[in-house]
Amino acid sequence: MTRREALGVMAAAPLAGAEARPNIVFIMADDLGYGDLSCYGRTDYKTPNVDRLAAQGMRFTQAYANSAVCSATRAALMTGRYQYRLPVGLEEPIADRDRNVGIPTEHPTLPSLLRGAGYATTLVGKWHLGWLPEYSPLKSGYEHFWGFRSGGIDYYTHKSGAANTDSEDLWEGDTKIQREGYLTDLLGDRAVAVIEAARTPFLLSLHFNAPHWPWEAPGDEAESKRVHRLASFDAGSMTTFARMVERMDFQVGRVLAALDKTGAAKNTIVVFTSDNGGERFSNTWPFSGMKSELLEGGLRVPAIVGWPGRVARGTTSQQVSITMDWVPTLLAAAAVSGDAAYPSDGLSLLPVLRGQAPVVQRKLFWRFRSKAQAAVRDGDLKWLRLGGNTFLFDLIADPRERANLKDRRPEDYRRLMAEYAAWEAGMLPLDQKTATYEFTPAQLADHYAPAAKP
């Protein structure tokens, strides 16, 4: 245990009422689009177990990922802060083992703060926040880890697609292991075992690789053996994608059943969400765009929370939320303080979950290296820069981002552009070799001019 965690234990002791602290199961899908669950509108297959969680809890309709790609969002999930405050957050995504970057071991994280307050902490599934020997889930607050470290691995061979990696990428703790089986099932097996053996209170982070490529469903061992890149352009189908999501949903059902069986369900918060928008076979309706784009389809994600007796059954929230909100939300639910030296950029959603607060207007910011993208959401408005063009949208009236209002509402356009520039000045600078833009508030008055038509 680190000194920071030890101090956290001291600060939390004695744990008055600790037995009432909720367990937390945080389930994150990989590349699952906004409309890829039947409770969000998918019609060509069913996701009855995640749907049941929604029926027993709260479904968010305006939930966002911190990034349009995986490792950057996961940095925000761990820290509760804009990922652009850390070098690891500038990787979009971490794709090369030679990149010596990751979550700094001294940085407080959701698992380290909970562990310091007496929680058992386990990560099952995807890490993607730095390589050994410098970086590991075990160095960032998790007591136990069973999963993979890179951005994507084959569902059967468990080999990584990251550059400069060797053979299989399956680990127990910091020891490489070999297992046979379909990865979604292996992760479900491990998560169930963790719940059945867990002491309380516990945090279980279950980060599936599904439905991330390669496009392999249960029974697709032959596809796994075919010589191709993991993200092969000639692979997959709508049917394969459906079977991948259905299998993940089946394993979610097993996890929920394990909570019921052990009696833990009555005091467990279960969160289900995705790390970014969908890709290739996903349904992002009614939004446009996809993974790697700051259009709504690349950022808007499903988010569902169940907590018996605390979250009203079958409710829907229009509260704008973002991945980094989960850190202050779950800490507040566990009555655990954050680290004042690393204040969260997120908002605690606990009053929303308990039905104690109206919808709060949010102001959120994004940027993305590819195509020099940038975005601000402020209330119903969104300012966007994409592919050399700039836009202003009313997301409530125009969720598909089709009507560019920048000329109709020039004051709002200039205001949001200025606010973006002021916000970006507080983040780590992008590598100017890959980013060709830089605005300062003083330059904005001269900068404004109608852009080329989209």
Protein backbone atom coordinates (compact mmCIF):
# COMPACT_ATOMS: atom_id res chain seq x y z
CA MET A 1 0.00 0.00 0.00
CA THR A 2 1.33 3.44 -0.88
CA ARG A 3 1.72 6.22 1.66
CA ARG A 4 -1.25 8.00 0.12
CA GLU A 5 -3.44 4.92 0.54
CA ALA A 6 -2.21 4.37 4.09
CA LEU A 7 -3.12 7.94 4.99
CA GLY A 8 -6.53 7.35 3.44
CA VAL A 9 -7.08 4.31 5.69
CA MET A 10 -6.05 6.34 8.74
CA ALA A 11 -8.38 9.15 7.78
CA ALA A 12 -11.26 6.74 7.32
CA ALA A 13 -10.79 4.82 10.58
CA PRO A 14 -12.81 3.95 12.48
CA LEU A 15 -15.22 3.21 9.66
CA ALA A 16 -18.45 4.14 11.39
CA GLY A 17 -21.27 2.55 9.45
CA ALA A 18 -18.82 1.06 6.97
CA GLU A 19 -21.08 -1.94 6.50
CA ALA A 20 -23.62 0.38 4.88
CA ARG A 21 -21.17 1.60 2.26
CA PRO A 22 -22.31 0.43 -1.15
CA ASN A 23 -20.41 -2.04 -3.26
CA ILE A 24 -19.67 -0.73 -6.74
CA VAL A 25 -19.70 -2.69 -9.99
CA PHE A 26 -18.61 -0.50 -12.88
CA ILE A 27 -19.15 -2.15 -16.27
CA MET A 28 -17.63 -0.51 -19.32
CA ALA A 29 -18.20 -1.75 -22.86
CA ASP A 30 -15.68 -0.92 -25.58
CA ASP A 31 -16.87 0.96 -28.69
CA LEU A 32 -20.56 0.42 -27.90
CA GLY A 33 -22.63 3.05 -29.67
CA TYR A 34 -25.46 5.08 -28.18
CA GLY A 35 -28.15 2.98 -29.87
CA ASP A 36 -26.53 -0.47 -29.53
CA LEU A 37 -28.73 -1.62 -26.64
CA SER A 38 -32.36 -2.48 -27.12
CA CYS A 39 -33.29 -0.12 -24.27
CA TYR A 40 -31.70 2.65 -26.38
CA GLY A 41 -33.43 1.68 -29.61
CA ARG A 42 -31.58 -1.27 -31.19
CA THR A 43 -34.14 -3.49 -32.92
CA ASP A 44 -32.22 -6.24 -34.72
CA TYR A 45 -31.17 -7.99 -31.48
CA LYS A 46 -32.03 -7.83 -27.78
CA THR A 47 -30.01 -7.01 -24.67
CA PRO A 48 -32.38 -8.23 -21.94
CA ASN A 49 -29.93 -8.12 -19.04
CA VAL A 50 -28.75 -4.56 -19.53
CA ASP A 51 -32.37 -3.66 -20.27
CA ARG A 52 -33.31 -5.15 -16.90
CA LEU A 53 -30.72 -2.96 -15.20
CA ALA A 54 -32.30 0.06 -16.91
CA ALA A 55 -35.78 -1.05 -15.84
CA GLN A 56 -34.55 -1.29 -12.25
CA GLY A 57 -32.64 1.98 -12.28
CA MET A 58 -31.90 5.17 -14.21
CA ARG A 59 -31.07 5.56 -17.90
CA PHE A 60 -29.24 8.70 -19.06
CA THR A 61 -30.03 10.10 -22.50
CA GLN A 62 -27.35 12.82 -22.57
CA ALA A 63 -24.29 10.97 -21.32
CA TYR A 64 -20.93 11.66 -22.95
CA ALA A 65 -17.54 10.00 -23.08
CA ASN A 66 -14.54 12.15 -22.18
CA SER A 67 -13.01 11.30 -25.54
CA ALA A 68 -13.91 9.78 -28.88
CA VAL A 69 -11.33 7.04 -28.27
CA CYS A 70 -10.59 4.57 -25.51
CA SER A 71 -7.41 5.22 -23.48
CA ALA A 72 -8.08 8.96 -23.19
CA THR A 73 -11.55 8.29 -21.76
CA ARG A 74 -10.14 5.70 -19.37
CA ALA A 75 -7.67 8.26 -18.01
CA ALA A 76 -10.62 10.49 -17.16
CA LEU A 77 -12.48 7.56 -15.59
CA MET A 78 -9.54 6.83 -13.31
CA THR A 79 -8.80 10.40 -12.27
CA GLY A 80 -12.12 12.25 -12.48
CA ARG A 81 -10.34 15.00 -14.41
CA TYR A 82 -9.98 16.14 -17.99
CA GLN A 83 -7.50 13.69 -19.46
CA TYR A 84 -5.66 16.57 -21.15
CA ARG A 85 -4.15 17.45 -17.77
CA LEU A 86 -1.90 14.38 -18.06
CA PRO A 87 0.50 13.27 -20.82
CA VAL A 88 -1.31 9.92 -21.02
CA GLY A 89 -4.48 11.78 -21.98
CA LEU A 90 -2.79 13.21 -25.06
CA GLU A 91 -2.41 9.69 -26.48
CA GLU A 92 -5.40 9.01 -28.72
CA PRO A 93 -5.01 6.16 -28.11
CA ILE A 94 -1.89 4.56 -26.60
CA ALA A 95 -0.94 2.28 -29.48
CA ASP A 96 2.76 1.55 -29.06
CA ARG A 97 4.43 -0.23 -26.16
CA ASP A 98 7.52 1.93 -26.66
CA ARG A 99 5.48 4.97 -25.63
CA ASN A 100 6.57 5.32 -22.00
CA VAL A 101 3.39 6.97 -20.81
CA GLY A 102 0.59 6.04 -18.44
CA ILE A 103 -1.30 7.02 -15.29
CA PRO A 104 1.31 8.44 -12.87
CA THR A 105 1.51 6.11 -9.89
CA GLU A 106 1.36 9.03 -7.46
CA HIS A 107 -1.89 10.38 -8.95
CA PRO A 108 -4.97 9.55 -6.85
CA THR A 109 -7.52 7.44 -8.69
CA LEU A 110 -11.00 6.14 -8.06
CA PRO A 111 -9.68 2.72 -6.97
CA SER A 112 -6.84 4.15 -4.85
CA LEU A 113 -9.18 6.50 -2.98
CA LEU A 114 -11.73 3.75 -2.38
CA ARG A 115 -9.02 1.30 -1.38
CA GLY A 116 -7.66 3.83 1.09
CA ALA A 117 -11.12 3.91 2.68
CA GLY A 118 -11.29 0.14 3.11
CA TYR A 119 -12.67 -1.05 -0.23
CA ALA A 120 -11.45 -4.21 -1.94
CA THR A 121 -10.59 -3.17 -5.50
CA THR A 122 -10.40 -5.36 -8.61
CA LEU A 123 -10.08 -4.69 -12.32
CA VAL A 124 -11.27 -7.42 -14.67
CA GLY A 125 -10.68 -6.69 -18.35
CA LYS A 126 -9.09 -3.82 -20.24
CA TRP A 127 -6.44 -1.53 -18.72
CA HIS A 128 -4.86 0.42 -21.62
CA LEU A 129 -3.25 3.05 -19.38
CA GLY A 130 0.43 2.20 -19.56
CA TRP A 131 2.84 -0.69 -19.75
CA LEU A 132 4.99 -2.50 -17.24
CA PRO A 133 7.29 -1.92 -15.50
CA GLU A 134 6.29 1.71 -14.89
CA TYR A 135 2.52 1.40 -15.14
CA SER A 136 0.01 -1.19 -14.01
CA PRO A 137 -3.45 -1.41 -12.44
CA LEU A 138 -1.66 -2.65 -9.32
CA LYS A 139 0.31 0.61 -9.20
CA SER A 140 -2.83 2.76 -9.51
CA GLY A 141 -5.08 1.49 -6.74
CA TYR A 142 -6.31 -1.94 -7.78
CA GLU A 143 -5.44 -4.80 -5.45
CA HIS A 144 -6.20 -7.38 -8.12
CA PHE A 145 -6.08 -7.40 -11.92
CA TRP A 146 -7.15 -10.05 -14.40
CA GLY A 147 -7.26 -8.91 -18.00
CA PHE A 148 -5.24 -7.30 -20.77
CA ARG A 149 -3.12 -4.17 -21.03
CA SER A 150 -3.35 -3.05 -24.67
CA GLY A 151 -6.16 -1.46 -26.64
CA GLY A 152 -7.51 -4.58 -28.30
CA ILE A 153 -6.76 -8.28 -28.39
CA ASP A 154 -8.03 -11.29 -30.30
CA TYR A 155 -10.99 -12.93 -28.58
CA TYR A 156 -9.49 -16.43 -28.94
CA THR A 157 -5.69 -16.16 -29.19
CA HIS A 158 -5.63 -13.21 -26.77
CA LYS A 159 -2.84 -11.65 -28.83
CA SER A 160 -2.47 -7.90 -28.83
CA GLY A 161 -2.74 -5.54 -31.75
CA ALA A 162 -0.40 -2.98 -30.15
CA ALA A 163 2.94 -2.27 -31.77
CA ASN A 164 6.04 -3.82 -30.23
CA THR A 165 4.17 -6.39 -28.16
CA ASP A 166 4.93 -10.06 -27.93
CA SER A 167 2.42 -12.90 -28.15
CA GLU A 168 -0.47 -13.09 -25.71
CA ASP A 169 -1.68 -10.13 -23.67
CA LEU A 170 -3.53 -11.82 -20.82
CA TRP A 171 -2.45 -11.19 -17.24
CA GLU A 172 -3.20 -12.10 -13.65
CA GLY A 173 -1.69 -9.31 -11.62
CA ASP A 174 1.63 -8.55 -13.25
CA THR A 175 2.17 -12.14 -14.38
CA LYS A 176 1.41 -13.16 -17.95
CA ILE A 177 -0.93 -16.15 -18.22
CA GLN A 178 -2.45 -18.34 -20.90
CA ARG A 179 -6.09 -19.39 -20.97
CA GLU A 180 -8.30 -20.97 -23.57
CA GLY A 181 -11.69 -19.56 -24.35
CA TYR A 182 -13.70 -16.66 -25.75
CA LEU A 183 -12.51 -13.54 -23.96
CA THR A 184 -15.95 -12.11 -23.13
CA ASP A 185 -16.76 -15.38 -21.37
CA LEU A 186 -13.43 -15.47 -19.53
CA LEU A 187 -14.01 -11.95 -18.23
CA GLY A 188 -17.53 -12.85 -17.14
CA ASP A 189 -16.25 -15.96 -15.36
CA ARG A 190 -13.66 -13.96 -13.49
CA ALA A 191 -16.09 -11.20 -12.51
CA VAL A 192 -18.55 -13.73 -11.10
CA ALA A 193 -15.74 -15.39 -9.11
CA VAL A 194 -14.69 -12.00 -7.71
CA ILE A 195 -18.24 -11.24 -6.54
CA GLU A 196 -18.69 -14.66 -4.98
CA ALA A 197 -15.44 -14.34 -3.02
CA ALA A 198 -15.52 -10.60 -2.29
CA ARG A 199 -15.35 -9.02 1.09
CA THR A 200 -17.41 -5.89 1.39
CA PRO A 201 -17.34 -3.13 0.53
CA PHE A 202 -15.81 -3.75 -2.90
CA LEU A 203 -15.17 -2.05 -6.22
CA LEU A 204 -15.27 -4.33 -9.26
CA SER A 205 -14.34 -2.65 -12.52
CA LEU A 206 -15.46 -4.95 -15.33
CA HIS A 207 -14.11 -3.53 -18.57
CA PHE A 208 -15.14 -5.72 -21.49
CA ASN A 209 -13.34 -5.63 -24.83
CA ALA A 210 -16.66 -6.22 -26.61
CA PRO A 211 -17.77 -5.12 -29.12
CA HIS A 212 -14.34 -3.73 -30.09
CA TRP A 213 -12.74 -5.34 -33.14
CA PRO A 214 -11.66 -7.96 -34.16
CA TRP A 215 -15.12 -8.95 -35.29
CA GLU A 216 -15.31 -12.38 -33.65
CA ALA A 217 -18.40 -13.81 -32.03
CA PRO A 218 -18.74 -17.02 -30.02
CA GLY A 219 -17.87 -19.94 -32.30
CA ASP A 220 -15.70 -17.84 -34.64
CA GLU A 221 -12.40 -19.61 -33.93
CA ALA A 222 -11.78 -20.00 -37.66
CA GLU A 223 -11.92 -16.23 -38.11
CA SER A 224 -9.41 -15.89 -35.29
CA LYS A 225 -6.96 -18.18 -37.10
CA ARG A 226 -7.23 -16.30 -40.39
CA VAL A 227 -4.15 -14.21 -41.17
CA HIS A 228 -5.28 -10.61 -40.89
CA ARG A 229 -4.85 -7.46 -38.88
CA LEU A 230 -7.05 -7.28 -35.79
CA ALA A 231 -8.92 -4.34 -37.32
CA SER A 232 -9.18 -5.99 -40.73
CA PHE A 233 -11.28 -4.04 -43.20
CA ASP A 234 -12.81 -7.17 -44.73
CA ALA A 235 -14.09 -8.63 -41.45
CA GLY A 236 -17.34 -8.58 -39.57
CA SER A 237 -21.03 -8.27 -40.31
CA MET A 238 -24.16 -7.01 -38.61
CA THR A 239 -24.88 -10.57 -37.50
CA THR A 240 -21.42 -11.00 -35.99
CA PHE A 241 -21.69 -7.67 -34.18
CA ALA A 242 -25.09 -8.65 -32.80
CA ARG A 243 -23.74 -11.92 -31.43
CA MET A 244 -20.81 -10.13 -29.81
CA VAL A 245 -23.09 -7.68 -28.01
CA GLU A 246 -25.55 -10.41 -27.06
CA ARG A 247 -22.73 -12.41 -25.47
CA MET A 248 -21.58 -9.42 -23.47
CA ASP A 249 -25.16 -8.89 -22.33
CA PHE A 250 -25.33 -12.54 -21.29
CA GLN A 251 -22.24 -12.07 -19.10
CA VAL A 252 -23.73 -8.92 -17.59
CA GLY A 253 -26.69 -11.09 -16.66
CA ARG A 254 -24.39 -13.56 -14.92
CA VAL A 255 -22.82 -10.72 -12.93
CA LEU A 256 -26.23 -9.42 -11.86
CA ALA A 257 -27.25 -12.97 -10.91
CA ALA A 258 -24.09 -13.35 -8.81
CA LEU A 259 -24.95 -10.17 -6.94
CA ASP A 260 -28.43 -11.54 -6.28
CA LYS A 261 -27.10 -14.95 -5.20
CA THR A 262 -24.63 -13.52 -2.70
CA GLY A 263 -27.10 -11.02 -1.30
CA ALA A 264 -24.87 -8.13 -2.35
CA ALA A 265 -27.33 -6.72 -4.88
CA LYS A 266 -29.39 -4.83 -2.33
CA ASN A 267 -26.43 -2.59 -1.51
CA THR A 268 -24.54 -2.45 -4.80
CA ILE A 269 -24.33 0.38 -7.31
CA VAL A 270 -24.10 -1.02 -10.84
CA VAL A 271 -23.05 1.31 -13.64
CA PHE A 272 -23.07 0.31 -17.31
CA THR A 273 -21.59 2.58 -19.96
CA SER A 274 -19.18 2.73 -22.93
CA ASP A 275 -15.76 4.34 -23.41
CA ASN A 276 -16.69 6.19 -26.62
CA GLY A 277 -19.13 6.16 -29.49
CA GLY A 278 -19.71 3.26 -31.85
CA GLU A 279 -17.78 2.03 -34.85
CA ARG A 280 -18.53 0.27 -38.16
CA PHE A 281 -21.60 -1.82 -37.25
CA SER A 282 -22.87 0.37 -34.42
CA ASN A 283 -26.15 2.23 -34.30
CA THR A 284 -25.55 5.84 -33.25
CA TRP A 285 -29.03 7.05 -34.21
CA PRO A 286 -30.25 9.74 -33.96
CA PHE A 287 -26.73 11.15 -34.07
CA SER A 288 -24.19 11.50 -36.84
CA GLY A 289 -20.51 10.63 -36.55
CA MET A 290 -18.70 7.72 -34.95
CA LYS A 291 -15.67 6.77 -32.88
CA SER A 292 -12.73 9.20 -33.35
CA GLU A 293 -15.05 12.12 -34.17
CA LEU A 294 -16.35 14.86 -31.89
CA LEU A 295 -19.75 14.69 -33.56
CA GLU A 296 -22.38 13.36 -31.18
CA GLY A 297 -22.11 9.82 -32.54
CA GLY A 298 -18.48 9.68 -31.46
CA LEU A 299 -19.14 11.01 -27.95
CA ARG A 300 -22.70 10.19 -26.88
CA VAL A 301 -22.84 6.87 -25.01
CA PRO A 302 -25.35 4.76 -23.10
CA ALA A 303 -25.18 5.16 -19.32
CA ILE A 304 -27.32 3.20 -16.87
CA VAL A 305 -27.21 3.12 -13.07
CA GLY A 306 -28.92 0.68 -10.74
CA TRP A 307 -28.93 0.99 -6.93
CA PRO A 308 -31.89 -0.68 -5.19
CA GLY A 309 -33.77 1.60 -2.83
CA ARG A 310 -31.71 4.65 -3.79
CA VAL A 311 -32.29 5.06 -7.52
CA ALA A 312 -35.93 5.01 -8.56
CA ARG A 313 -36.88 2.16 -10.86
CA GLY A 314 -37.41 2.78 -14.56
CA THR A 315 -36.38 6.42 -14.53
CA THR A 316 -34.80 8.43 -17.33
CA SER A 317 -32.57 11.46 -16.85
CA GLN A 318 -31.80 14.21 -19.36
CA GLN A 319 -28.92 15.43 -17.20
CA VAL A 320 -25.82 16.07 -19.29
CA SER A 321 -23.04 13.92 -17.86
CA ILE A 322 -19.53 12.82 -18.81
CA THR A 323 -17.20 9.95 -17.91
CA MET A 324 -15.19 11.92 -15.35
CA ASP A 325 -18.39 12.53 -13.35
CA TRP A 326 -18.32 8.94 -12.13
CA VAL A 327 -15.36 9.59 -9.82
CA PRO A 328 -17.00 12.29 -7.65
CA THR A 329 -20.34 10.48 -7.93
CA LEU A 330 -19.09 7.13 -6.65
CA LEU A 331 -16.85 8.70 -4.02
CA ALA A 332 -19.83 10.67 -2.71
CA ALA A 333 -21.97 7.52 -2.65
CA ALA A 334 -19.25 5.78 -0.61
CA ALA A 335 -18.76 8.80 1.68
CA VAL A 336 -15.10 8.99 0.64
CA SER A 337 -13.36 12.31 0.11
CA GLY A 338 -11.33 13.11 -2.98
CA ASP A 339 -7.80 14.44 -2.86
CA ALA A 340 -7.87 18.24 -2.54
CA ALA A 341 -4.57 18.48 -4.41
CA TYR A 342 -6.21 16.91 -7.48
CA PRO A 343 -9.70 18.43 -7.67
CA SER A 344 -12.13 16.72 -10.00
CA ASP A 345 -13.36 18.43 -13.15
CA GLY A 346 -16.47 16.27 -12.93
CA LEU A 347 -19.81 16.74 -11.21
CA SER A 348 -21.28 14.40 -8.62
CA LEU A 349 -24.45 12.91 -10.07
CA LEU A 350 -25.53 11.53 -6.71
CA PRO A 351 -28.34 14.10 -6.21
CA VAL A 352 -29.61 13.25 -9.70
CA LEU A 353 -29.54 9.53 -8.97
CA ARG A 354 -31.47 10.05 -5.76
CA GLY A 355 -34.02 12.28 -7.48
CA GLN A 356 -33.03 15.23 -5.29
CA ALA A 357 -31.90 17.68 -7.97
CA PRO A 358 -33.26 19.21 -11.17
CA VAL A 359 -31.30 19.05 -14.41
CA VAL A 360 -28.18 21.22 -14.14
CA GLN A 361 -26.81 23.08 -17.16
CA ARG A 362 -23.29 21.90 -18.01
CA LYS A 363 -20.35 23.29 -19.92
CA LEU A 364 -18.06 20.57 -21.30
CA PHE A 365 -14.99 20.65 -23.53
CA TRP A 366 -13.27 18.21 -25.89
CA ARG A 367 -10.38 18.21 -28.31
CA PHE A 368 -8.98 15.51 -30.57
CA ARG A 369 -5.81 15.43 -32.63
CA SER A 370 -7.21 13.88 -35.78
CA LYS A 371 -8.58 16.60 -38.09
CA ALA A 372 -7.74 19.21 -35.40
CA GLN A 373 -11.10 18.69 -33.73
CA ALA A 374 -12.48 20.72 -30.84
CA ALA A 375 -15.89 21.04 -29.21
CA VAL A 376 -17.78 22.83 -26.46
CA ARG A 377 -21.22 21.95 -25.16
CA ASP A 378 -22.93 24.72 -23.22
CA GLY A 379 -26.56 24.08 -22.38
CA ASP A 380 -28.32 23.21 -25.63
CA LEU A 381 -25.56 24.68 -27.81
CA LYS A 382 -22.48 23.01 -29.23
CA TRP A 383 -19.52 24.67 -30.91
CA LEU A 384 -17.53 22.30 -33.10
CA ARG A 385 -14.38 22.46 -35.20
CA LEU A 386 -13.93 19.54 -37.59
CA GLY A 387 -11.97 19.11 -40.79
CA GLY A 388 -11.14 22.79 -41.19
CA ASN A 389 -14.73 23.96 -40.70
CA THR A 390 -16.43 25.40 -37.63
CA PHE A 391 -20.05 25.02 -36.59
CA LEU A 392 -22.67 26.02 -34.05
CA PHE A 393 -25.51 23.59 -33.37
CA ASP A 394 -28.61 23.50 -31.19
CA LEU A 395 -28.46 19.89 -30.04
CA ILE A 396 -32.01 19.76 -28.75
CA ALA A 397 -33.59 21.07 -31.94
CA ASP A 398 -31.00 19.45 -34.20
CA PRO A 399 -29.40 16.35 -32.60
CA ARG A 400 -28.02 15.22 -35.96
CA GLU A 401 -25.91 18.39 -36.20
CA ARG A 402 -27.03 19.46 -39.63
CA ALA A 403 -28.03 23.14 -39.34
CA ASN A 404 -24.94 25.32 -38.82
CA LEU A 405 -26.11 28.37 -36.84
CA LYS A 406 -22.80 30.23 -36.70
CA ASP A 407 -24.02 33.04 -38.96
CA ARG A 408 -27.47 33.24 -37.39
CA ARG A 409 -26.03 33.42 -33.86
CA PRO A 410 -22.58 35.00 -34.21
CA GLU A 411 -22.41 36.17 -30.58
CA ASP A 412 -22.93 32.64 -29.26
CA TYR A 413 -20.43 31.34 -31.81
CA ARG A 414 -17.73 33.81 -30.74
CA ARG A 415 -18.47 33.32 -27.05
CA LEU A 416 -18.08 29.53 -27.19
CA MET A 417 -14.97 29.78 -29.32
CA ALA A 418 -13.45 32.17 -26.78
CA GLU A 419 -14.41 29.92 -23.89
CA TYR A 420 -12.81 26.98 -25.63
CA ALA A 421 -9.57 28.91 -26.08
CA ALA A 422 -9.55 29.95 -22.43
CA TRP A 423 -10.18 26.37 -21.32
CA GLU A 424 -7.51 24.95 -23.61
CA ALA A 425 -4.95 27.34 -22.17
CA GLY A 426 -5.27 25.44 -18.90
CA MET A 427 -4.60 22.03 -20.47
CA LEU A 428 -1.35 20.46 -21.64
CA PRO A 429 -0.46 21.70 -25.13
CA LEU A 430 -0.88 19.36 -28.05
CA ASP A 431 2.13 18.30 -30.08
CA GLN A 432 2.37 20.99 -32.74
CA LYS A 433 3.68 18.42 -35.22
CA THR A 434 0.21 16.91 -35.32
CA ALA A 435 -1.95 19.86 -34.37
CA THR A 436 -1.91 22.91 -36.62
CA TYR A 437 -4.21 25.20 -34.67
CA GLU A 438 -3.71 27.51 -31.73
CA PHE A 439 -6.06 30.25 -30.61
CA THR A 440 -5.66 32.76 -27.80
CA PRO A 441 -8.51 34.89 -26.49
CA ALA A 442 -6.81 38.02 -27.83
CA GLN A 443 -6.71 36.57 -31.33
CA LEU A 444 -10.37 35.63 -31.49
CA ALA A 445 -11.82 38.97 -32.53
CA ASP A 446 -9.72 38.90 -35.69
CA HIS A 447 -10.23 35.19 -36.20
CA TYR A 448 -13.99 35.17 -36.63
CA ALA A 449 -15.15 34.86 -40.21
CA PRO A 450 -17.64 32.57 -41.91
CA ALA A 451 -15.98 29.23 -42.58
CA ALA A 452 -16.32 27.16 -45.70
CA LYS A 453 -19.68 25.49 -45.96
CA PRO A 454 -19.78 21.95 -44.51
